[in-house]
Amino acid sequence: MALSIRETGENIKNSPLFNGTVEYDVPLKEFTTMKVGGPAELLVKPDDAISLAVAASVLKHDGVNIFVLGGNMLRNNMMYYYLNLDMYI
């Protein structure tokens, strides 16, 4: 049985090696210069490389496709399309 995205998010958040935040239904417009973008069903913001590895491992284990944004890309010159994609940021 497939896990819900919230169950996957909780698995990441509850991992003893994960430091960071896990948020649900986050408007992506808050992360763009032009203030456009629909909600991300799951947004994981790891604080360090180990936490990133933990999150990626849990997502892969649960069969979730991921799209990684980082650095200045998250704020500058990014536009998110209103598509129903099976990937999580």
N, C-alpha and C. Protein backbone atom coordinates (compact mmCIF):
# COMPACT_ATOMS: atom_id res chain seq x y z
N MET A 1 0.83 -1.18 0.00
CA MET A 1 0.00 0.00 0.00
C MET A 1 0.88 1.25 0.00
N ALA A 2 0.60 2.18 -0.88
CA ALA A 2 1.38 3.40 -0.99
C ALA A 2 1.06 4.34 0.18
N LEU A 3 2.10 5.01 0.64
CA LEU A 3 1.92 5.98 1.72
C LEU A 3 1.40 7.29 1.15
N SER A 4 0.67 8.03 1.97
CA SER A 4 0.27 9.38 1.56
C SER A 4 1.49 10.28 1.65
N ILE A 5 1.43 11.41 0.97
CA ILE A 5 2.57 12.33 1.00
C ILE A 5 2.79 12.87 2.41
N ARG A 6 1.74 12.99 3.19
CA ARG A 6 1.89 13.43 4.58
C ARG A 6 2.61 12.38 5.42
N GLU A 7 2.30 11.11 5.18
CA GLU A 7 3.01 10.05 5.90
C GLU A 7 4.49 10.06 5.54
N THR A 8 4.78 10.26 4.28
CA THR A 8 6.18 10.35 3.85
C THR A 8 6.85 11.54 4.51
N GLY A 9 6.18 12.69 4.52
CA GLY A 9 6.74 13.87 5.18
C GLY A 9 7.01 13.64 6.65
N GLU A 10 6.10 12.96 7.33
CA GLU A 10 6.28 12.67 8.75
C GLU A 10 7.44 11.70 8.95
N ASN A 11 7.61 10.75 8.03
CA ASN A 11 8.75 9.83 8.13
C ASN A 11 10.07 10.59 8.02
N ILE A 12 10.11 11.60 7.15
CA ILE A 12 11.32 12.42 7.04
C ILE A 12 11.53 13.21 8.33
N LYS A 13 10.49 13.91 8.76
CA LYS A 13 10.58 14.78 9.93
C LYS A 13 10.96 14.00 11.19
N ASN A 14 10.49 12.78 11.32
CA ASN A 14 10.74 11.99 12.52
C ASN A 14 12.03 11.19 12.49
N SER A 15 12.76 11.28 11.39
CA SER A 15 14.04 10.58 11.32
C SER A 15 15.02 11.23 12.29
N PRO A 16 15.73 10.44 13.09
CA PRO A 16 16.65 11.02 14.08
C PRO A 16 17.81 11.79 13.43
N LEU A 17 18.10 11.55 12.18
CA LEU A 17 19.21 12.23 11.50
C LEU A 17 18.77 13.46 10.71
N PHE A 18 17.46 13.74 10.69
CA PHE A 18 16.96 14.87 9.89
C PHE A 18 16.87 16.13 10.74
N ASN A 19 17.49 17.19 10.22
CA ASN A 19 17.37 18.52 10.81
C ASN A 19 16.87 19.45 9.71
N GLY A 20 15.78 20.12 9.97
CA GLY A 20 15.20 21.01 8.97
C GLY A 20 13.71 21.09 9.18
N THR A 21 13.02 21.53 8.13
CA THR A 21 11.57 21.66 8.23
C THR A 21 10.89 20.85 7.14
N VAL A 22 9.70 20.40 7.45
CA VAL A 22 8.83 19.71 6.50
C VAL A 22 7.50 20.44 6.57
N GLU A 23 7.05 20.93 5.41
CA GLU A 23 5.81 21.71 5.37
C GLU A 23 4.89 21.14 4.29
N TYR A 24 3.60 21.39 4.45
CA TYR A 24 2.59 20.87 3.53
C TYR A 24 1.79 22.03 2.93
N ASP A 25 1.40 21.86 1.66
CA ASP A 25 0.56 22.83 0.95
C ASP A 25 1.11 24.25 1.04
N VAL A 26 2.40 24.38 0.74
CA VAL A 26 3.09 25.67 0.82
C VAL A 26 2.95 26.40 -0.51
N PRO A 27 2.44 27.64 -0.50
CA PRO A 27 2.36 28.41 -1.75
C PRO A 27 3.76 28.74 -2.25
N LEU A 28 4.08 28.29 -3.47
CA LEU A 28 5.41 28.52 -4.03
C LEU A 28 5.62 29.97 -4.43
N LYS A 29 4.56 30.75 -4.48
CA LYS A 29 4.71 32.16 -4.83
C LYS A 29 5.57 32.90 -3.82
N GLU A 30 5.64 32.38 -2.59
CA GLU A 30 6.47 33.01 -1.57
C GLU A 30 7.96 32.86 -1.87
N PHE A 31 8.31 31.99 -2.82
CA PHE A 31 9.70 31.72 -3.13
C PHE A 31 10.12 32.25 -4.50
N THR A 32 9.27 33.05 -5.13
CA THR A 32 9.60 33.56 -6.46
C THR A 32 9.57 35.08 -6.47
N THR A 33 10.37 35.64 -7.34
CA THR A 33 10.44 37.10 -7.48
C THR A 33 9.12 37.68 -7.94
N MET A 34 8.45 36.99 -8.87
CA MET A 34 7.21 37.51 -9.45
C MET A 34 5.98 37.14 -8.63
N LYS A 35 6.17 36.43 -7.53
CA LYS A 35 5.09 36.05 -6.61
C LYS A 35 3.98 35.24 -7.30
N VAL A 36 4.42 34.26 -8.12
CA VAL A 36 3.47 33.35 -8.75
C VAL A 36 3.87 31.92 -8.42
N GLY A 37 2.92 31.03 -8.40
CA GLY A 37 3.19 29.61 -8.17
C GLY A 37 2.14 29.00 -7.27
N GLY A 38 1.70 27.84 -7.63
CA GLY A 38 0.70 27.12 -6.85
C GLY A 38 1.33 26.44 -5.64
N PRO A 39 0.52 25.71 -4.88
CA PRO A 39 1.02 25.09 -3.65
C PRO A 39 1.84 23.83 -3.92
N ALA A 40 2.87 23.66 -3.11
CA ALA A 40 3.63 22.41 -3.10
C ALA A 40 3.00 21.53 -2.04
N GLU A 41 2.61 20.35 -2.43
CA GLU A 41 1.99 19.43 -1.48
C GLU A 41 2.95 19.10 -0.34
N LEU A 42 4.25 19.03 -0.68
CA LEU A 42 5.27 18.75 0.32
C LEU A 42 6.49 19.60 0.00
N LEU A 43 6.99 20.33 0.99
CA LEU A 43 8.20 21.13 0.85
C LEU A 43 9.15 20.74 1.98
N VAL A 44 10.31 20.22 1.61
CA VAL A 44 11.30 19.78 2.59
C VAL A 44 12.49 20.73 2.49
N LYS A 45 12.87 21.31 3.63
CA LYS A 45 14.01 22.23 3.67
C LYS A 45 15.03 21.70 4.67
N PRO A 46 15.96 20.86 4.18
CA PRO A 46 16.98 20.30 5.07
C PRO A 46 18.00 21.36 5.47
N ASP A 47 18.54 21.23 6.69
CA ASP A 47 19.53 22.18 7.19
C ASP A 47 20.96 21.82 6.82
N ASP A 48 21.19 20.57 6.44
CA ASP A 48 22.56 20.13 6.15
C ASP A 48 22.54 18.98 5.15
N ALA A 49 23.72 18.56 4.73
CA ALA A 49 23.85 17.52 3.71
C ALA A 49 23.30 16.17 4.19
N ILE A 50 23.50 15.86 5.44
CA ILE A 50 22.98 14.59 5.97
C ILE A 50 21.46 14.59 5.93
N SER A 51 20.86 15.70 6.30
CA SER A 51 19.40 15.80 6.27
C SER A 51 18.86 15.70 4.85
N LEU A 52 19.59 16.29 3.90
CA LEU A 52 19.20 16.16 2.49
C LEU A 52 19.25 14.70 2.06
N ALA A 53 20.29 13.99 2.46
CA ALA A 53 20.41 12.57 2.12
C ALA A 53 19.30 11.75 2.75
N VAL A 54 18.96 12.06 3.99
CA VAL A 54 17.87 11.35 4.68
C VAL A 54 16.56 11.57 3.94
N ALA A 55 16.26 12.83 3.61
CA ALA A 55 15.01 13.15 2.91
C ALA A 55 14.96 12.45 1.56
N ALA A 56 16.05 12.51 0.80
CA ALA A 56 16.09 11.86 -0.51
C ALA A 56 15.90 10.35 -0.39
N SER A 57 16.51 9.76 0.63
CA SER A 57 16.38 8.32 0.84
C SER A 57 14.94 7.92 1.17
N VAL A 58 14.30 8.67 2.06
CA VAL A 58 12.90 8.37 2.41
C VAL A 58 12.00 8.55 1.20
N LEU A 59 12.18 9.64 0.46
CA LEU A 59 11.37 9.89 -0.73
C LEU A 59 11.55 8.78 -1.76
N LYS A 60 12.79 8.38 -1.98
CA LYS A 60 13.05 7.29 -2.94
C LYS A 60 12.41 5.99 -2.46
N HIS A 61 12.59 5.68 -1.19
CA HIS A 61 12.01 4.46 -0.62
C HIS A 61 10.49 4.44 -0.79
N ASP A 62 9.86 5.61 -0.64
CA ASP A 62 8.41 5.70 -0.74
C ASP A 62 7.93 5.89 -2.18
N GLY A 63 8.86 5.90 -3.14
CA GLY A 63 8.49 6.00 -4.55
C GLY A 63 8.05 7.39 -4.99
N VAL A 64 8.55 8.42 -4.32
CA VAL A 64 8.17 9.80 -4.64
C VAL A 64 9.25 10.42 -5.52
N ASN A 65 8.84 11.00 -6.65
CA ASN A 65 9.77 11.72 -7.50
C ASN A 65 10.08 13.07 -6.86
N ILE A 66 11.34 13.50 -6.96
CA ILE A 66 11.71 14.77 -6.33
C ILE A 66 12.29 15.74 -7.36
N PHE A 67 12.20 17.02 -7.02
CA PHE A 67 12.79 18.09 -7.81
C PHE A 67 13.51 18.98 -6.81
N VAL A 68 14.81 19.11 -6.97
CA VAL A 68 15.62 19.86 -6.01
C VAL A 68 15.86 21.27 -6.52
N LEU A 69 15.55 22.24 -5.69
CA LEU A 69 15.87 23.65 -5.93
C LEU A 69 16.79 24.10 -4.82
N GLY A 70 17.76 24.92 -5.15
CA GLY A 70 18.65 25.38 -4.09
C GLY A 70 19.33 26.68 -4.43
N GLY A 71 19.98 27.25 -3.45
CA GLY A 71 20.70 28.50 -3.63
C GLY A 71 19.79 29.61 -4.09
N ASN A 72 20.31 30.48 -4.93
CA ASN A 72 19.54 31.61 -5.43
C ASN A 72 18.42 31.20 -6.36
N MET A 73 18.48 29.97 -6.87
CA MET A 73 17.43 29.51 -7.78
C MET A 73 16.06 29.55 -7.13
N LEU A 74 16.03 29.36 -5.82
CA LEU A 74 14.75 29.28 -5.13
C LEU A 74 14.03 30.63 -5.10
N ARG A 75 14.76 31.71 -5.17
CA ARG A 75 14.13 33.02 -5.12
C ARG A 75 14.15 33.76 -6.45
N ASN A 76 15.14 33.54 -7.26
CA ASN A 76 15.34 34.39 -8.43
C ASN A 76 15.02 33.68 -9.74
N ASN A 77 14.23 34.35 -10.53
CA ASN A 77 13.98 33.93 -11.91
C ASN A 77 13.38 32.54 -12.06
N MET A 78 12.64 32.10 -11.08
CA MET A 78 11.97 30.81 -11.19
C MET A 78 10.46 31.06 -11.28
N MET A 79 9.85 30.39 -12.22
CA MET A 79 8.39 30.43 -12.32
C MET A 79 7.90 28.99 -12.27
N TYR A 80 6.92 28.75 -11.44
CA TYR A 80 6.37 27.42 -11.29
C TYR A 80 5.06 27.35 -12.06
N TYR A 81 4.95 26.37 -12.90
CA TYR A 81 3.73 26.22 -13.69
C TYR A 81 2.66 25.51 -12.85
N TYR A 82 1.43 25.82 -13.15
CA TYR A 82 0.32 25.16 -12.47
C TYR A 82 0.05 23.83 -13.15
N LEU A 83 0.90 22.88 -12.89
CA LEU A 83 0.76 21.54 -13.43
C LEU A 83 0.61 20.57 -12.27
N ASN A 84 -0.08 19.51 -12.52
CA ASN A 84 -0.22 18.48 -11.51
C ASN A 84 0.91 17.48 -11.72
N LEU A 85 2.06 17.75 -11.15
CA LEU A 85 3.23 16.89 -11.30
C LEU A 85 3.37 15.98 -10.09
N ASP A 86 3.77 14.77 -10.34
CA ASP A 86 4.02 13.85 -9.24
C ASP A 86 5.48 13.98 -8.79
N MET A 87 5.85 15.15 -8.34
CA MET A 87 7.18 15.35 -7.78
C MET A 87 7.05 16.37 -6.67
N TYR A 88 7.98 16.32 -5.77
CA TYR A 88 7.90 17.15 -4.58
C TYR A 88 9.17 17.93 -4.39
N ILE A 89 9.03 19.13 -3.89
CA ILE A 89 10.16 20.05 -3.76
C ILE A 89 10.63 20.07 -2.32
